[in-house]
PDB file of all heavy atoms in Angstrom:
ATOM      1  N   SER A   1       0.829  -1.215   0.000  1.00  0.00           N
ATOM      2  CA  SER A   1       0.000   0.000   0.000  1.00  0.00           C
ATOM      3  C   SER A   1       0.856   1.254   0.000  1.00  0.00           C
ATOM      4  O   SER A   1       0.626   2.198   0.779  1.00  0.00           O
ATOM      5  CB  SER A   1      -0.942   0.005   1.213  1.00  0.00           C
ATOM      6  OG  SER A   1      -1.774  -1.133   1.204  1.00  0.00           O
ATOM      7  N   LEU A   2       1.820   1.274  -0.879  1.00  0.00           N
ATOM      8  CA  LEU A   2       2.766   2.397  -0.924  1.00  0.00           C
ATOM      9  C   LEU A   2       2.080   3.672  -1.393  1.00  0.00           C
ATOM     10  O   LEU A   2       1.189   3.636  -2.250  1.00  0.00           O
ATOM     11  CB  LEU A   2       3.940   2.054  -1.816  1.00  0.00           C
ATOM     12  CG  LEU A   2       4.924   1.046  -1.211  1.00  0.00           C
ATOM     13  CD1 LEU A   2       5.791   0.423  -2.291  1.00  0.00           C
ATOM     14  CD2 LEU A   2       5.794   1.730  -0.163  1.00  0.00           C
ATOM     15  N   ASN A   3       2.490   4.772  -0.818  1.00  0.00           N
ATOM     16  CA  ASN A   3       1.989   6.072  -1.263  1.00  0.00           C
ATOM     17  C   ASN A   3       3.173   7.004  -1.518  1.00  0.00           C
ATOM     18  O   ASN A   3       4.324   6.674  -1.219  1.00  0.00           O
ATOM     19  CB  ASN A   3       1.008   6.639  -0.240  1.00  0.00           C
ATOM     20  CG  ASN A   3       1.622   6.823   1.124  1.00  0.00           C
ATOM     21  OD1 ASN A   3       2.585   7.579   1.276  1.00  0.00           O
ATOM     22  ND2 ASN A   3       1.081   6.155   2.128  1.00  0.00           N
ATOM     23  N   VAL A   4       2.863   8.164  -2.051  1.00  0.00           N
ATOM     24  CA  VAL A   4       3.937   9.065  -2.491  1.00  0.00           C
ATOM     25  C   VAL A   4       4.814   9.515  -1.327  1.00  0.00           C
ATOM     26  O   VAL A   4       5.987   9.853  -1.507  1.00  0.00           O
ATOM     27  CB  VAL A   4       3.372  10.264  -3.269  1.00  0.00           C
ATOM     28  CG1 VAL A   4       2.746   9.813  -4.577  1.00  0.00           C
ATOM     29  CG2 VAL A   4       2.377  11.038  -2.426  1.00  0.00           C
ATOM     30  N   ASP A   5       4.255   9.514  -0.122  1.00  0.00           N
ATOM     31  CA  ASP A   5       5.040   9.908   1.049  1.00  0.00           C
ATOM     32  C   ASP A   5       6.108   8.868   1.417  1.00  0.00           C
ATOM     33  O   ASP A   5       6.978   9.148   2.245  1.00  0.00           O
ATOM     34  CB  ASP A   5       4.133  10.130   2.256  1.00  0.00           C
ATOM     35  CG  ASP A   5       3.249  11.354   2.089  1.00  0.00           C
ATOM     36  OD1 ASP A   5       3.657  12.274   1.339  1.00  0.00           O
ATOM     37  OD2 ASP A   5       2.165  11.393   2.694  1.00  0.00           O
ATOM     38  N   ASP A   6       6.028   7.710   0.818  1.00  0.00           N
ATOM     39  CA  ASP A   6       7.043   6.678   1.058  1.00  0.00           C
ATOM     40  C   ASP A   6       8.247   6.840   0.145  1.00  0.00           C
ATOM     41  O   ASP A   6       9.242   6.117   0.285  1.00  0.00           O
ATOM     42  CB  ASP A   6       6.448   5.286   0.859  1.00  0.00           C
ATOM     43  CG  ASP A   6       5.345   4.971   1.846  1.00  0.00           C
ATOM     44  OD1 ASP A   6       5.537   5.261   3.049  1.00  0.00           O
ATOM     45  OD2 ASP A   6       4.292   4.448   1.426  1.00  0.00           O
ATOM     46  N   THR A   7       8.167   7.764  -0.796  1.00  0.00           N
ATOM     47  CA  THR A   7       9.293   8.008  -1.703  1.00  0.00           C
ATOM     48  C   THR A   7      10.485   8.532  -0.914  1.00  0.00           C
ATOM     49  O   THR A   7      10.377   9.521  -0.185  1.00  0.00           O
ATOM     50  CB  THR A   7       8.902   9.027  -2.791  1.00  0.00           C
ATOM     51  OG1 THR A   7       7.889   8.451  -3.617  1.00  0.00           O
ATOM     52  CG2 THR A   7      10.092   9.392  -3.647  1.00  0.00           C
ATOM     53  N   ALA A   8      11.604   7.849  -1.040  1.00  0.00           N
ATOM     54  CA  ALA A   8      12.804   8.207  -0.279  1.00  0.00           C
ATOM     55  C   ALA A   8      13.944   7.280  -0.683  1.00  0.00           C
ATOM     56  O   ALA A   8      13.727   6.284  -1.381  1.00  0.00           O
ATOM     57  CB  ALA A   8      12.553   8.067   1.230  1.00  0.00           C
ATOM     58  N   VAL A   9      15.122   7.601  -0.202  1.00  0.00           N
ATOM     59  CA  VAL A   9      16.220   6.643  -0.231  1.00  0.00           C
ATOM     60  C   VAL A   9      16.143   5.832   1.055  1.00  0.00           C
ATOM     61  O   VAL A   9      16.089   6.406   2.147  1.00  0.00           O
ATOM     62  CB  VAL A   9      17.589   7.336  -0.353  1.00  0.00           C
ATOM     63  CG1 VAL A   9      18.708   6.297  -0.300  1.00  0.00           C
ATOM     64  CG2 VAL A   9      17.663   8.148  -1.635  1.00  0.00           C
ATOM     65  N   TYR A  10      16.115   4.544   0.913  1.00  0.00           N
ATOM     66  CA  TYR A  10      16.012   3.646   2.058  1.00  0.00           C
ATOM     67  C   TYR A  10      17.377   3.056   2.374  1.00  0.00           C
ATOM     68  O   TYR A  10      18.076   2.556   1.484  1.00  0.00           O
ATOM     69  CB  TYR A  10      15.004   2.532   1.763  1.00  0.00           C
ATOM     70  CG  TYR A  10      13.577   2.995   1.868  1.00  0.00           C
ATOM     71  CD1 TYR A  10      13.036   3.867   0.919  1.00  0.00           C
ATOM     72  CD2 TYR A  10      12.763   2.588   2.924  1.00  0.00           C
ATOM     73  CE1 TYR A  10      11.731   4.316   1.020  1.00  0.00           C
ATOM     74  CE2 TYR A  10      11.454   3.029   3.033  1.00  0.00           C
ATOM     75  CZ  TYR A  10      10.941   3.891   2.074  1.00  0.00           C
ATOM     76  OH  TYR A  10       9.648   4.337   2.186  1.00  0.00           O
ATOM     77  N   TYR A  11      17.721   3.116   3.651  1.00  0.00           N
ATOM     78  CA  TYR A  11      19.014   2.627   4.107  1.00  0.00           C
ATOM     79  C   TYR A  11      18.822   1.481   5.096  1.00  0.00           C
ATOM     80  O   TYR A  11      17.981   1.571   5.995  1.00  0.00           O
ATOM     81  CB  TYR A  11      19.788   3.731   4.826  1.00  0.00           C
ATOM     82  CG  TYR A  11      20.159   4.898   3.947  1.00  0.00           C
ATOM     83  CD1 TYR A  11      19.317   5.994   3.815  1.00  0.00           C
ATOM     84  CD2 TYR A  11      21.370   4.915   3.261  1.00  0.00           C
ATOM     85  CE1 TYR A  11      19.659   7.069   3.012  1.00  0.00           C
ATOM     86  CE2 TYR A  11      21.730   5.995   2.458  1.00  0.00           C
ATOM     87  CZ  TYR A  11      20.857   7.060   2.340  1.00  0.00           C
ATOM     88  OH  TYR A  11      21.212   8.126   1.550  1.00  0.00           O
ATOM     89  N   CYS A  12      19.610   0.474   4.927  1.00  0.00           N
ATOM     90  CA  CYS A  12      19.678  -0.597   5.905  1.00  0.00           C
ATOM     91  C   CYS A  12      20.857  -0.319   6.839  1.00  0.00           C
ATOM     92  O   CYS A  12      21.896   0.198   6.408  1.00  0.00           O
ATOM     93  CB  CYS A  12      19.892  -1.921   5.185  1.00  0.00           C
ATOM     94  SG  CYS A  12      20.114  -3.319   6.290  1.00  0.00           S
ATOM     95  N   ALA A  13      20.675  -0.650   8.096  1.00  0.00           N
ATOM     96  CA  ALA A  13      21.735  -0.440   9.069  1.00  0.00           C
ATOM     97  C   ALA A  13      21.782  -1.618  10.037  1.00  0.00           C
ATOM     98  O   ALA A  13      20.747  -2.239  10.307  1.00  0.00           O
ATOM     99  CB  ALA A  13      21.499   0.854   9.836  1.00  0.00           C
ATOM    100  N   ALA A  14      22.970  -1.895  10.530  1.00  0.00           N
ATOM    101  CA  ALA A  14      23.145  -3.011  11.448  1.00  0.00           C
ATOM    102  C   ALA A  14      23.800  -2.535  12.734  1.00  0.00           C
ATOM    103  O   ALA A  14      24.675  -1.658  12.712  1.00  0.00           O
ATOM    104  CB  ALA A  14      24.004  -4.097  10.806  1.00  0.00           C
ATOM    105  N   ALA A  15      23.368  -3.130  13.813  1.00  0.00           N
ATOM    106  CA  ALA A  15      23.942  -2.817  15.117  1.00  0.00           C
ATOM    107  C   ALA A  15      24.155  -4.102  15.890  1.00  0.00           C
ATOM    108  O   ALA A  15      23.297  -4.994  15.866  1.00  0.00           O
ATOM    109  CB  ALA A  15      23.020  -1.901  15.900  1.00  0.00           C
ATOM    110  N   VAL A  16      25.266  -4.180  16.575  1.00  0.00           N
ATOM    111  CA  VAL A  16      25.501  -5.309  17.460  1.00  0.00           C
ATOM    112  C   VAL A  16      24.624  -5.129  18.684  1.00  0.00           C
ATOM    113  O   VAL A  16      24.668  -4.086  19.347  1.00  0.00           O
ATOM    114  CB  VAL A  16      26.978  -5.402  17.862  1.00  0.00           C
ATOM    115  CG1 VAL A  16      27.184  -6.558  18.834  1.00  0.00           C
ATOM    116  CG2 VAL A  16      27.863  -5.555  16.627  1.00  0.00           C
ATOM    117  N   HIS A  17      23.819  -6.139  18.959  1.00  0.00           N
ATOM    118  CA  HIS A  17      22.906  -6.034  20.096  1.00  0.00           C
ATOM    119  C   HIS A  17      23.683  -5.891  21.402  1.00  0.00           C
ATOM    120  O   HIS A  17      24.673  -6.590  21.629  1.00  0.00           O
ATOM    121  CB  HIS A  17      22.024  -7.266  20.171  1.00  0.00           C
ATOM    122  CG  HIS A  17      21.150  -7.297  21.386  1.00  0.00           C
ATOM    123  ND1 HIS A  17      20.231  -6.306  21.655  1.00  0.00           N
ATOM    124  CD2 HIS A  17      21.083  -8.168  22.420  1.00  0.00           C
ATOM    125  CE1 HIS A  17      19.615  -6.587  22.793  1.00  0.00           C
ATOM    126  NE2 HIS A  17      20.128  -7.715  23.276  1.00  0.00           N
ATOM    127  N   GLN A  18      23.229  -4.971  22.225  1.00  0.00           N
ATOM    128  CA  GLN A  18      23.837  -4.746  23.528  1.00  0.00           C
ATOM    129  C   GLN A  18      22.948  -5.346  24.605  1.00  0.00           C
ATOM    130  O   GLN A  18      21.740  -5.097  24.629  1.00  0.00           O
ATOM    131  CB  GLN A  18      24.001  -3.246  23.765  1.00  0.00           C
ATOM    132  CG  GLN A  18      24.834  -2.553  22.704  1.00  0.00           C
ATOM    133  CD  GLN A  18      24.632  -1.051  22.736  1.00  0.00           C
ATOM    134  OE1 GLN A  18      24.471  -0.461  23.801  1.00  0.00           O
ATOM    135  NE2 GLN A  18      24.613  -0.427  21.571  1.00  0.00           N
ATOM    136  N   MET A  19      23.536  -6.120  25.489  1.00  0.00           N
ATOM    137  CA  MET A  19      22.783  -6.786  26.543  1.00  0.00           C
ATOM    138  C   MET A  19      21.947  -5.772  27.324  1.00  0.00           C
ATOM    139  O   MET A  19      22.464  -4.737  27.765  1.00  0.00           O
ATOM    140  CB  MET A  19      23.752  -7.492  27.492  1.00  0.00           C
ATOM    141  CG  MET A  19      23.093  -8.385  28.507  1.00  0.00           C
ATOM    142  SD  MET A  19      22.386  -9.859  27.754  1.00  0.00           S
ATOM    143  CE  MET A  19      23.887 -10.744  27.327  1.00  0.00           C
ATOM    144  N   GLY A  20      20.660  -6.066  27.421  1.00  0.00           N
ATOM    145  CA  GLY A  20      19.780  -5.206  28.189  1.00  0.00           C
ATOM    146  C   GLY A  20      19.130  -4.089  27.394  1.00  0.00           C
ATOM    147  O   GLY A  20      18.171  -3.464  27.867  1.00  0.00           O
ATOM    148  N   LYS A  21      19.601  -3.821  26.207  1.00  0.00           N
ATOM    149  CA  LYS A  21      19.003  -2.749  25.395  1.00  0.00           C
ATOM    150  C   LYS A  21      17.688  -3.231  24.819  1.00  0.00           C
ATOM    151  O   LYS A  21      17.601  -4.319  24.270  1.00  0.00           O
ATOM    152  CB  LYS A  21      19.948  -2.319  24.279  1.00  0.00           C
ATOM    153  CG  LYS A  21      19.455  -1.084  23.510  1.00  0.00           C
ATOM    154  CD  LYS A  21      20.515  -0.607  22.523  1.00  0.00           C
ATOM    155  CE  LYS A  21      20.011   0.559  21.683  1.00  0.00           C
ATOM    156  NZ  LYS A  21      19.736   1.740  22.486  1.00  0.00           N
ATOM    157  N   GLN A  22      16.646  -2.414  24.929  1.00  0.00           N
ATOM    158  CA  GLN A  22      15.290  -2.825  24.557  1.00  0.00           C
ATOM    159  C   GLN A  22      14.950  -2.501  23.092  1.00  0.00           C
ATOM    160  O   GLN A  22      14.027  -3.085  22.539  1.00  0.00           O
ATOM    161  CB  GLN A  22      14.266  -2.137  25.464  1.00  0.00           C
ATOM    162  CG  GLN A  22      14.438  -2.471  26.935  1.00  0.00           C
ATOM    163  CD  GLN A  22      14.204  -3.938  27.219  1.00  0.00           C
ATOM    164  OE1 GLN A  22      13.185  -4.502  26.838  1.00  0.00           O
ATOM    165  NE2 GLN A  22      15.160  -4.586  27.865  1.00  0.00           N
ATOM    166  N   TRP A  23      15.638  -1.567  22.503  1.00  0.00           N
ATOM    167  CA  TRP A  23      15.374  -1.178  21.109  1.00  0.00           C
ATOM    168  C   TRP A  23      13.899  -0.794  20.959  1.00  0.00           C
ATOM    169  O   TRP A  23      13.182  -1.343  20.102  1.00  0.00           O
ATOM    170  CB  TRP A  23      15.749  -2.309  20.152  1.00  0.00           C
ATOM    171  CG  TRP A  23      17.198  -2.651  20.195  1.00  0.00           C
ATOM    172  CD1 TRP A  23      17.784  -3.622  20.948  1.00  0.00           C
ATOM    173  CD2 TRP A  23      18.265  -1.993  19.492  1.00  0.00           C
ATOM    174  NE1 TRP A  23      19.142  -3.622  20.744  1.00  0.00           N
ATOM    175  CE2 TRP A  23      19.468  -2.638  19.861  1.00  0.00           C
ATOM    176  CE3 TRP A  23      18.314  -0.940  18.575  1.00  0.00           C
ATOM    177  CZ2 TRP A  23      20.711  -2.253  19.348  1.00  0.00           C
ATOM    178  CZ3 TRP A  23      19.545  -0.567  18.061  1.00  0.00           C
ATOM    179  CH2 TRP A  23      20.714  -1.218  18.452  1.00  0.00           C
ATOM    180  N   ARG A  24      13.482   0.203  21.737  1.00  0.00           N
ATOM    181  CA  ARG A  24      12.102   0.658  21.689  1.00  0.00           C
ATOM    182  C   ARG A  24      11.921   1.967  20.948  1.00  0.00           C
ATOM    183  O   ARG A  24      10.810   2.501  20.880  1.00  0.00           O
ATOM    184  CB  ARG A  24      11.562   0.802  23.114  1.00  0.00           C
ATOM    185  CG  ARG A  24      11.356  -0.517  23.812  1.00  0.00           C
ATOM    186  CD  ARG A  24      10.846  -0.336  25.215  1.00  0.00           C
ATOM    187  NE  ARG A  24      10.610  -1.634  25.869  1.00  0.00           N
ATOM    188  CZ  ARG A  24      10.326  -1.774  27.146  1.00  0.00           C
ATOM    189  NH1 ARG A  24      10.238  -0.703  27.918  1.00  0.00           N
ATOM    190  NH2 ARG A  24      10.146  -2.972  27.653  1.00  0.00           N
ATOM    191  N   ARG A  25      13.045   2.505  20.433  1.00  0.00           N
ATOM    192  CA  ARG A  25      12.927   3.723  19.649  1.00  0.00           C
ATOM    193  C   ARG A  25      14.003   3.709  18.579  1.00  0.00           C
ATOM    194  O   ARG A  25      14.969   2.944  18.646  1.00  0.00           O
ATOM    195  CB  ARG A  25      13.066   4.946  20.543  1.00  0.00           C
ATOM    196  CG  ARG A  25      14.434   5.095  21.174  1.00  0.00           C
ATOM    197  CD  ARG A  25      14.509   6.340  22.046  1.00  0.00           C
ATOM    198  NE  ARG A  25      15.854   6.533  22.568  1.00  0.00           N
ATOM    199  CZ  ARG A  25      16.801   7.239  21.937  1.00  0.00           C
ATOM    200  NH1 ARG A  25      16.536   7.795  20.779  1.00  0.00           N
ATOM    201  NH2 ARG A  25      17.983   7.371  22.474  1.00  0.00           N
ATOM    202  N   PHE A  26      13.836   4.582  17.587  1.00  0.00           N
ATOM    203  CA  PHE A  26      14.802   4.671  16.506  1.00  0.00           C
ATOM    204  C   PHE A  26      15.843   5.737  16.821  1.00  0.00           C
ATOM    205  O   PHE A  26      15.497   6.847  17.185  1.00  0.00           O
ATOM    206  CB  PHE A  26      14.112   5.048  15.190  1.00  0.00           C
ATOM    207  CG  PHE A  26      13.148   4.016  14.694  1.00  0.00           C
ATOM    208  CD1 PHE A  26      11.783   4.211  14.823  1.00  0.00           C
ATOM    209  CD2 PHE A  26      13.613   2.856  14.087  1.00  0.00           C
ATOM    210  CE1 PHE A  26      10.884   3.265  14.356  1.00  0.00           C
ATOM    211  CE2 PHE A  26      12.719   1.907  13.620  1.00  0.00           C
ATOM    212  CZ  PHE A  26      11.355   2.108  13.756  1.00  0.00           C
ATOM    213  N   SER A  27      17.092   5.368  16.630  1.00  0.00           N
ATOM    214  CA  SER A  27      18.160   6.354  16.685  1.00  0.00           C
ATOM    215  C   SER A  27      19.254   5.920  15.728  1.00  0.00           C
ATOM    216  O   SER A  27      19.802   4.817  15.872  1.00  0.00           O
ATOM    217  CB  SER A  27      18.745   6.480  18.086  1.00  0.00           C
ATOM    218  OG  SER A  27      19.886   7.324  18.048  1.00  0.00           O
ATOM    219  N   LYS A  28      19.575   6.780  14.792  1.00  0.00           N
ATOM    220  CA  LYS A  28      20.608   6.418  13.823  1.00  0.00           C
ATOM    221  C   LYS A  28      21.959   6.233  14.509  1.00  0.00           C
ATOM    222  O   LYS A  28      22.826   5.517  14.001  1.00  0.00           O
ATOM    223  CB  LYS A  28      20.701   7.466  12.721  1.00  0.00           C
ATOM    224  CG  LYS A  28      21.029   8.867  13.203  1.00  0.00           C
ATOM    225  CD  LYS A  28      20.971   9.869  12.048  1.00  0.00           C
ATOM    226  CE  LYS A  28      21.275  11.267  12.528  1.00  0.00           C
ATOM    227  NZ  LYS A  28      21.180  12.266  11.452  1.00  0.00           N
ATOM    228  N   TYR A  29      22.127   6.816  15.675  1.00  0.00           N
ATOM    229  CA  TYR A  29      23.410   6.728  16.374  1.00  0.00           C
ATOM    230  C   TYR A  29      23.625   5.360  17.024  1.00  0.00           C
ATOM    231  O   TYR A  29      24.724   5.040  17.459  1.00  0.00           O
ATOM    232  CB  TYR A  29      23.505   7.839  17.415  1.00  0.00           C
ATOM    233  CG  TYR A  29      23.326   9.211  16.818  1.00  0.00           C
ATOM    234  CD1 TYR A  29      22.166   9.953  17.030  1.00  0.00           C
ATOM    235  CD2 TYR A  29      24.311   9.764  16.003  1.00  0.00           C
ATOM    236  CE1 TYR A  29      21.991  11.196  16.449  1.00  0.00           C
ATOM    237  CE2 TYR A  29      24.150  11.012  15.421  1.00  0.00           C
ATOM    238  CZ  TYR A  29      22.982  11.711  15.647  1.00  0.00           C
ATOM    239  OH  TYR A  29      22.811  12.947  15.072  1.00  0.00           O
TER     240      TYR A  29
END
């Protein structure tokens, strides 16, 4: 159900999981 607002460059990113981190929000850092 793509719409025009989805137009963008999409980036994949990887992070080594840190013990105890919940990953409940997005942060590029």
